[in-house]
PDB file of all heavy atoms in Angstrom:
ATOM      1  N   SER A   1      -7.660   4.785   5.026  1.00  0.00           N
ATOM      2  CA  SER A   1      -8.227   3.597   4.354  1.00  0.00           C
ATOM      3  C   SER A   1      -7.273   2.873   3.509  1.00  0.00           C
ATOM      4  O   SER A   1      -7.498   1.783   3.043  1.00  0.00           O
ATOM      5  CB  SER A   1      -9.564   3.932   3.669  1.00  0.00           C
ATOM      6  OG  SER A   1      -9.272   4.896   2.625  1.00  0.00           O
ATOM      7  N   ASP A   2      -6.141   3.594   3.186  1.00  0.00           N
ATOM      8  CA  ASP A   2      -5.169   3.057   2.236  1.00  0.00           C
ATOM      9  C   ASP A   2      -4.106   2.148   2.929  1.00  0.00           C
ATOM     10  O   ASP A   2      -3.354   1.469   2.301  1.00  0.00           O
ATOM     11  CB  ASP A   2      -4.458   4.175   1.453  1.00  0.00           C
ATOM     12  CG  ASP A   2      -5.310   5.029   0.593  1.00  0.00           C
ATOM     13  OD1 ASP A   2      -6.295   4.373   0.067  1.00  0.00           O
ATOM     14  OD2 ASP A   2      -5.061   6.182   0.401  1.00  0.00           O
ATOM     15  N   VAL A   3      -4.099   2.212   4.266  1.00  0.00           N
ATOM     16  CA  VAL A   3      -3.146   1.433   4.991  1.00  0.00           C
ATOM     17  C   VAL A   3      -3.810   0.378   5.828  1.00  0.00           C
ATOM     18  O   VAL A   3      -4.528   0.606   6.774  1.00  0.00           O
ATOM     19  CB  VAL A   3      -2.371   2.344   5.960  1.00  0.00           C
ATOM     20  CG1 VAL A   3      -1.257   1.568   6.690  1.00  0.00           C
ATOM     21  CG2 VAL A   3      -1.708   3.495   5.211  1.00  0.00           C
ATOM     22  N   ASP A   4      -3.548  -0.861   5.425  1.00  0.00           N
ATOM     23  CA  ASP A   4      -4.179  -2.011   6.117  1.00  0.00           C
ATOM     24  C   ASP A   4      -3.135  -2.701   6.992  1.00  0.00           C
ATOM     25  O   ASP A   4      -2.244  -3.425   6.559  1.00  0.00           O
ATOM     26  CB  ASP A   4      -4.628  -3.077   5.084  1.00  0.00           C
ATOM     27  CG  ASP A   4      -5.489  -4.168   5.659  1.00  0.00           C
ATOM     28  OD1 ASP A   4      -5.267  -4.564   6.795  1.00  0.00           O
ATOM     29  OD2 ASP A   4      -6.456  -4.588   4.940  1.00  0.00           O
ATOM     30  N   LEU A   5      -3.257  -2.393   8.286  1.00  0.00           N
ATOM     31  CA  LEU A   5      -2.250  -2.828   9.233  1.00  0.00           C
ATOM     32  C   LEU A   5      -2.347  -4.339   9.473  1.00  0.00           C
ATOM     33  O   LEU A   5      -1.290  -4.963   9.803  1.00  0.00           O
ATOM     34  CB  LEU A   5      -2.421  -2.103  10.537  1.00  0.00           C
ATOM     35  CG  LEU A   5      -2.052  -0.605  10.529  1.00  0.00           C
ATOM     36  CD1 LEU A   5      -2.460   0.082  11.790  1.00  0.00           C
ATOM     37  CD2 LEU A   5      -0.581  -0.380  10.199  1.00  0.00           C
ATOM     38  N   GLU A   6      -3.502  -4.954   9.329  1.00  0.00           N
ATOM     39  CA  GLU A   6      -3.625  -6.325   9.515  1.00  0.00           C
ATOM     40  C   GLU A   6      -3.016  -7.125   8.377  1.00  0.00           C
ATOM     41  O   GLU A   6      -2.244  -8.059   8.593  1.00  0.00           O
ATOM     42  CB  GLU A   6      -5.126  -6.741   9.663  1.00  0.00           C
ATOM     43  CG  GLU A   6      -5.769  -6.277  10.964  1.00  0.00           C
ATOM     44  CD  GLU A   6      -5.003  -6.738  12.194  1.00  0.00           C
ATOM     45  OE1 GLU A   6      -4.663  -7.939  12.230  1.00  0.00           O
ATOM     46  OE2 GLU A   6      -4.771  -5.954  13.094  1.00  0.00           O
ATOM     47  N   LYS A   7      -3.340  -6.730   7.136  1.00  0.00           N
ATOM     48  CA  LYS A   7      -2.781  -7.435   5.956  1.00  0.00           C
ATOM     49  C   LYS A   7      -1.311  -6.966   5.678  1.00  0.00           C
ATOM     50  O   LYS A   7      -0.591  -7.583   4.903  1.00  0.00           O
ATOM     51  CB  LYS A   7      -3.610  -7.180   4.753  1.00  0.00           C
ATOM     52  CG  LYS A   7      -4.978  -7.848   4.783  1.00  0.00           C
ATOM     53  CD  LYS A   7      -5.683  -7.584   3.447  1.00  0.00           C
ATOM     54  CE  LYS A   7      -7.039  -8.287   3.415  1.00  0.00           C
ATOM     55  NZ  LYS A   7      -7.735  -8.045   2.150  1.00  0.00           N
ATOM     56  N   GLN A   8      -0.901  -5.868   6.282  1.00  0.00           N
ATOM     57  CA  GLN A   8       0.407  -5.303   6.138  1.00  0.00           C
ATOM     58  C   GLN A   8       0.668  -4.921   4.712  1.00  0.00           C
ATOM     59  O   GLN A   8       1.557  -5.273   3.995  1.00  0.00           O
ATOM     60  CB  GLN A   8       1.517  -6.255   6.604  1.00  0.00           C
ATOM     61  CG  GLN A   8       1.403  -6.482   8.096  1.00  0.00           C
ATOM     62  CD  GLN A   8       2.533  -7.431   8.614  1.00  0.00           C
ATOM     63  OE1 GLN A   8       2.284  -8.174   9.531  1.00  0.00           O
ATOM     64  NE2 GLN A   8       3.729  -7.415   7.996  1.00  0.00           N
ATOM     65  N   GLU A   9      -0.355  -4.066   4.195  1.00  0.00           N
ATOM     66  CA  GLU A   9      -0.318  -3.621   2.833  1.00  0.00           C
ATOM     67  C   GLU A   9      -0.699  -2.144   2.762  1.00  0.00           C
ATOM     68  O   GLU A   9      -1.564  -1.715   3.507  1.00  0.00           O
ATOM     69  CB  GLU A   9      -1.289  -4.391   1.922  1.00  0.00           C
ATOM     70  CG  GLU A   9      -0.936  -5.889   1.744  1.00  0.00           C
ATOM     71  CD  GLU A   9      -1.878  -6.704   0.916  1.00  0.00           C
ATOM     72  OE1 GLU A   9      -3.081  -6.148   0.736  1.00  0.00           O
ATOM     73  OE2 GLU A   9      -1.556  -7.752   0.442  1.00  0.00           O
ATOM     74  N   ILE A  10      -0.060  -1.444   1.818  1.00  0.00           N
ATOM     75  CA  ILE A  10      -0.398  -0.010   1.533  1.00  0.00           C
ATOM     76  C   ILE A  10      -0.938   0.011   0.118  1.00  0.00           C
ATOM     77  O   ILE A  10      -0.297  -0.497  -0.825  1.00  0.00           O
ATOM     78  CB  ILE A  10       0.858   0.884   1.673  1.00  0.00           C
ATOM     79  CG1 ILE A  10       1.231   0.941   3.120  1.00  0.00           C
ATOM     80  CG2 ILE A  10       0.461   2.248   1.150  1.00  0.00           C
ATOM     81  CD1 ILE A  10       2.579   1.747   3.323  1.00  0.00           C
ATOM     82  N   PHE A  11      -2.101   0.578  -0.006  1.00  0.00           N
ATOM     83  CA  PHE A  11      -2.712   0.754  -1.396  1.00  0.00           C
ATOM     84  C   PHE A  11      -2.428   2.121  -1.854  1.00  0.00           C
ATOM     85  O   PHE A  11      -2.861   3.171  -1.278  1.00  0.00           O
ATOM     86  CB  PHE A  11      -4.215   0.540  -1.332  1.00  0.00           C
ATOM     87  CG  PHE A  11      -4.862   0.600  -2.687  1.00  0.00           C
ATOM     88  CD1 PHE A  11      -4.601  -0.382  -3.594  1.00  0.00           C
ATOM     89  CD2 PHE A  11      -5.772   1.633  -2.980  1.00  0.00           C
ATOM     90  CE1 PHE A  11      -5.224  -0.361  -4.854  1.00  0.00           C
ATOM     91  CE2 PHE A  11      -6.354   1.647  -4.211  1.00  0.00           C
ATOM     92  CZ  PHE A  11      -6.113   0.679  -5.162  1.00  0.00           C
ATOM     93  N   VAL A  12      -1.597   2.209  -2.936  1.00  0.00           N
ATOM     94  CA  VAL A  12      -1.130   3.517  -3.514  1.00  0.00           C
ATOM     95  C   VAL A  12      -2.142   3.806  -4.692  1.00  0.00           C
ATOM     96  O   VAL A  12      -2.188   3.064  -5.665  1.00  0.00           O
ATOM     97  CB  VAL A  12       0.247   3.440  -4.047  1.00  0.00           C
ATOM     98  CG1 VAL A  12       0.665   4.760  -4.712  1.00  0.00           C
ATOM     99  CG2 VAL A  12       1.242   3.051  -2.937  1.00  0.00           C
ATOM    100  N   ARG A  13      -2.859   4.892  -4.530  1.00  0.00           N
ATOM    101  CA  ARG A  13      -3.852   5.226  -5.511  1.00  0.00           C
ATOM    102  C   ARG A  13      -3.201   6.331  -6.444  1.00  0.00           C
ATOM    103  O   ARG A  13      -2.612   7.309  -6.026  1.00  0.00           O
ATOM    104  CB  ARG A  13      -5.074   5.908  -4.857  1.00  0.00           C
ATOM    105  CG  ARG A  13      -5.751   4.983  -3.868  1.00  0.00           C
ATOM    106  CD  ARG A  13      -6.983   5.695  -3.163  1.00  0.00           C
ATOM    107  NE  ARG A  13      -7.452   4.910  -2.093  1.00  0.00           N
ATOM    108  CZ  ARG A  13      -8.393   3.947  -2.261  1.00  0.00           C
ATOM    109  NH1 ARG A  13      -8.870   3.727  -3.469  1.00  0.00           N
ATOM    110  NH2 ARG A  13      -8.781   3.206  -1.261  1.00  0.00           N
ATOM    111  N   CYS A  14      -3.376   6.061  -7.769  1.00  0.00           N
ATOM    112  CA  CYS A  14      -2.917   7.006  -8.746  1.00  0.00           C
ATOM    113  C   CYS A  14      -1.474   7.426  -8.544  1.00  0.00           C
ATOM    114  O   CYS A  14      -1.118   8.672  -8.368  1.00  0.00           O
ATOM    115  CB  CYS A  14      -3.800   8.206  -8.851  1.00  0.00           C
ATOM    116  SG  CYS A  14      -5.431   7.942  -9.495  1.00  0.00           S
ATOM    117  N   GLY A  15      -0.606   6.408  -8.482  1.00  0.00           N
ATOM    118  CA  GLY A  15       0.826   6.767  -8.360  1.00  0.00           C
ATOM    119  C   GLY A  15       1.309   7.421  -9.677  1.00  0.00           C
ATOM    120  O   GLY A  15       0.515   7.875 -10.466  1.00  0.00           O
ATOM    121  N   LYS A  16       2.603   7.330  -9.918  1.00  0.00           N
ATOM    122  CA  LYS A  16       3.089   7.900 -11.195  1.00  0.00           C
ATOM    123  C   LYS A  16       2.470   7.200 -12.330  1.00  0.00           C
ATOM    124  O   LYS A  16       2.266   5.961 -12.353  1.00  0.00           O
ATOM    125  CB  LYS A  16       4.671   7.766 -11.178  1.00  0.00           C
ATOM    126  CG  LYS A  16       5.318   8.637 -12.241  1.00  0.00           C
ATOM    127  CD  LYS A  16       6.825   8.576 -12.133  1.00  0.00           C
ATOM    128  CE  LYS A  16       7.438   9.502 -13.213  1.00  0.00           C
ATOM    129  NZ  LYS A  16       8.906   9.517 -13.048  1.00  0.00           N
ATOM    130  N   ASN A  17       2.165   7.976 -13.434  1.00  0.00           N
ATOM    131  CA  ASN A  17       1.483   7.508 -14.591  1.00  0.00           C
ATOM    132  C   ASN A  17       0.026   7.057 -14.215  1.00  0.00           C
ATOM    133  O   ASN A  17      -0.607   6.300 -14.977  1.00  0.00           O
ATOM    134  CB  ASN A  17       2.213   6.352 -15.262  1.00  0.00           C
ATOM    135  CG  ASN A  17       3.593   6.769 -15.728  1.00  0.00           C
ATOM    136  OD1 ASN A  17       3.727   7.833 -16.321  1.00  0.00           O
ATOM    137  ND2 ASN A  17       4.577   5.905 -15.587  1.00  0.00           N
ATOM    138  N   LYS A  18      -0.519   7.567 -13.108  1.00  0.00           N
ATOM    139  CA  LYS A  18      -1.849   7.298 -12.676  1.00  0.00           C
ATOM    140  C   LYS A  18      -2.163   5.812 -12.485  1.00  0.00           C
ATOM    141  O   LYS A  18      -3.273   5.379 -12.814  1.00  0.00           O
ATOM    142  CB  LYS A  18      -2.888   7.946 -13.639  1.00  0.00           C
ATOM    143  CG  LYS A  18      -2.769   9.477 -13.707  1.00  0.00           C
ATOM    144  CD  LYS A  18      -3.826  10.112 -14.478  1.00  0.00           C
ATOM    145  CE  LYS A  18      -3.817  11.591 -14.400  1.00  0.00           C
ATOM    146  NZ  LYS A  18      -4.859  12.303 -15.181  1.00  0.00           N
ATOM    147  N   LYS A  19      -1.174   5.022 -12.042  1.00  0.00           N
ATOM    148  CA  LYS A  19      -1.350   3.634 -11.804  1.00  0.00           C
ATOM    149  C   LYS A  19      -1.456   3.318 -10.322  1.00  0.00           C
ATOM    150  O   LYS A  19      -0.709   3.830  -9.479  1.00  0.00           O
ATOM    151  CB  LYS A  19      -0.144   2.869 -12.379  1.00  0.00           C
ATOM    152  CG  LYS A  19      -0.117   2.869 -13.948  1.00  0.00           C
ATOM    153  CD  LYS A  19       1.060   2.030 -14.460  1.00  0.00           C
ATOM    154  CE  LYS A  19       1.075   2.062 -16.002  1.00  0.00           C
ATOM    155  NZ  LYS A  19       2.190   1.186 -16.489  1.00  0.00           N
ATOM    156  N   ASP A  20      -2.398   2.476  -9.972  1.00  0.00           N
ATOM    157  CA  ASP A  20      -2.585   2.012  -8.587  1.00  0.00           C
ATOM    158  C   ASP A  20      -1.667   0.777  -8.384  1.00  0.00           C
ATOM    159  O   ASP A  20      -1.355   0.067  -9.370  1.00  0.00           O
ATOM    160  CB  ASP A  20      -4.020   1.520  -8.360  1.00  0.00           C
ATOM    161  CG  ASP A  20      -5.045   2.670  -8.486  1.00  0.00           C
ATOM    162  OD1 ASP A  20      -4.608   3.842  -8.468  1.00  0.00           O
ATOM    163  OD2 ASP A  20      -6.245   2.369  -8.684  1.00  0.00           O
ATOM    164  N   ARG A  21      -1.267   0.517  -7.145  1.00  0.00           N
ATOM    165  CA  ARG A  21      -0.494  -0.655  -6.806  1.00  0.00           C
ATOM    166  C   ARG A  21      -0.590  -0.922  -5.352  1.00  0.00           C
ATOM    167  O   ARG A  21      -0.948  -0.029  -4.521  1.00  0.00           O
ATOM    168  CB  ARG A  21       0.963  -0.462  -7.190  1.00  0.00           C
ATOM    169  CG  ARG A  21       1.811   0.435  -6.370  1.00  0.00           C
ATOM    170  CD  ARG A  21       3.254   0.478  -6.950  1.00  0.00           C
ATOM    171  NE  ARG A  21       4.195   1.166  -6.059  1.00  0.00           N
ATOM    172  CZ  ARG A  21       4.293   2.437  -5.994  1.00  0.00           C
ATOM    173  NH1 ARG A  21       3.486   3.316  -6.662  1.00  0.00           N
ATOM    174  NH2 ARG A  21       5.206   3.047  -5.116  1.00  0.00           N
ATOM    175  N   VAL A  22      -0.303  -2.153  -4.952  1.00  0.00           N
ATOM    176  CA  VAL A  22      -0.305  -2.618  -3.558  1.00  0.00           C
ATOM    177  C   VAL A  22       1.148  -2.834  -3.156  1.00  0.00           C
ATOM    178  O   VAL A  22       1.901  -3.557  -3.817  1.00  0.00           O
ATOM    179  CB  VAL A  22      -1.141  -3.804  -3.361  1.00  0.00           C
ATOM    180  CG1 VAL A  22      -1.028  -4.354  -1.880  1.00  0.00           C
ATOM    181  CG2 VAL A  22      -2.611  -3.597  -3.651  1.00  0.00           C
ATOM    182  N   VAL A  23       1.511  -2.188  -2.046  1.00  0.00           N
ATOM    183  CA  VAL A  23       2.874  -2.310  -1.498  1.00  0.00           C
ATOM    184  C   VAL A  23       2.856  -2.998  -0.137  1.00  0.00           C
ATOM    185  O   VAL A  23       2.278  -2.437   0.812  1.00  0.00           O
ATOM    186  CB  VAL A  23       3.543  -0.922  -1.417  1.00  0.00           C
ATOM    187  CG1 VAL A  23       4.995  -1.073  -0.808  1.00  0.00           C
ATOM    188  CG2 VAL A  23       3.594  -0.210  -2.710  1.00  0.00           C
ATOM    189  N   PRO A  24       3.450  -4.217  -0.029  1.00  0.00           N
ATOM    190  CA  PRO A  24       3.438  -4.836   1.280  1.00  0.00           C
ATOM    191  C   PRO A  24       4.480  -4.296   2.196  1.00  0.00           C
ATOM    192  O   PRO A  24       5.453  -3.630   1.713  1.00  0.00           O
ATOM    193  CB  PRO A  24       3.802  -6.294   0.902  1.00  0.00           C
ATOM    194  CG  PRO A  24       4.577  -6.186  -0.378  1.00  0.00           C
ATOM    195  CD  PRO A  24       4.067  -5.000  -1.077  1.00  0.00           C
ATOM    196  N   PHE A  25       4.335  -4.480   3.485  1.00  0.00           N
ATOM    197  CA  PHE A  25       5.404  -3.976   4.392  1.00  0.00           C
ATOM    198  C   PHE A  25       5.639  -5.012   5.521  1.00  0.00           C
ATOM    199  O   PHE A  25       4.840  -5.924   5.693  1.00  0.00           O
ATOM    200  CB  PHE A  25       5.051  -2.610   4.985  1.00  0.00           C
ATOM    201  CG  PHE A  25       3.763  -2.510   5.700  1.00  0.00           C
ATOM    202  CD1 PHE A  25       3.643  -2.876   7.037  1.00  0.00           C
ATOM    203  CD2 PHE A  25       2.625  -2.008   5.025  1.00  0.00           C
ATOM    204  CE1 PHE A  25       2.434  -2.698   7.713  1.00  0.00           C
ATOM    205  CE2 PHE A  25       1.439  -1.857   5.712  1.00  0.00           C
ATOM    206  CZ  PHE A  25       1.301  -2.190   7.071  1.00  0.00           C
ATOM    207  N   SER A  26       6.773  -4.824   6.145  1.00  0.00           N
ATOM    208  CA  SER A  26       7.304  -5.806   7.120  1.00  0.00           C
ATOM    209  C   SER A  26       6.689  -5.705   8.488  1.00  0.00           C
ATOM    210  O   SER A  26       5.951  -4.819   8.812  1.00  0.00           O
ATOM    211  CB  SER A  26       8.790  -5.642   7.254  1.00  0.00           C
ATOM    212  OG  SER A  26       9.119  -4.411   7.868  1.00  0.00           O
ATOM    213  N   ASP A  27       7.001  -6.749   9.321  1.00  0.00           N
ATOM    214  CA  ASP A  27       6.523  -6.713  10.724  1.00  0.00           C
ATOM    215  C   ASP A  27       7.027  -5.495  11.464  1.00  0.00           C
ATOM    216  O   ASP A  27       6.375  -4.956  12.312  1.00  0.00           O
ATOM    217  CB  ASP A  27       6.984  -8.011  11.383  1.00  0.00           C
ATOM    218  CG  ASP A  27       6.225  -9.234  10.898  1.00  0.00           C
ATOM    219  OD1 ASP A  27       5.111  -9.063  10.271  1.00  0.00           O
ATOM    220  OD2 ASP A  27       6.773 -10.331  11.052  1.00  0.00           O
ATOM    221  N   ASP A  28       8.299  -5.138  11.147  1.00  0.00           N
ATOM    222  CA  ASP A  28       8.946  -3.955  11.822  1.00  0.00           C
ATOM    223  C   ASP A  28       8.144  -2.710  11.536  1.00  0.00           C
ATOM    224  O   ASP A  28       7.868  -1.957  12.458  1.00  0.00           O
ATOM    225  CB  ASP A  28      10.376  -3.779  11.394  1.00  0.00           C
ATOM    226  CG  ASP A  28      11.310  -4.826  11.990  1.00  0.00           C
ATOM    227  OD1 ASP A  28      10.920  -5.467  12.993  1.00  0.00           O
ATOM    228  OD2 ASP A  28      12.381  -5.026  11.440  1.00  0.00           O
ATOM    229  N   LEU A  29       7.762  -2.510  10.323  1.00  0.00           N
ATOM    230  CA  LEU A  29       6.995  -1.306   9.999  1.00  0.00           C
ATOM    231  C   LEU A  29       5.650  -1.359  10.548  1.00  0.00           C
ATOM    232  O   LEU A  29       5.059  -0.344  10.983  1.00  0.00           O
ATOM    233  CB  LEU A  29       6.978  -1.057   8.485  1.00  0.00           C
ATOM    234  CG  LEU A  29       6.246   0.255   8.052  1.00  0.00           C
ATOM    235  CD1 LEU A  29       6.891   1.443   8.661  1.00  0.00           C
ATOM    236  CD2 LEU A  29       6.195   0.385   6.498  1.00  0.00           C
TER     237      LEU A  29
END
């Protein structure tokens, strides 16, 4: 559920320092 292939975004839950973030990715990936 963290990987949205349509929007090309990865939702990182509780990364370092317990912070969430959204990481976009390219057409190739």
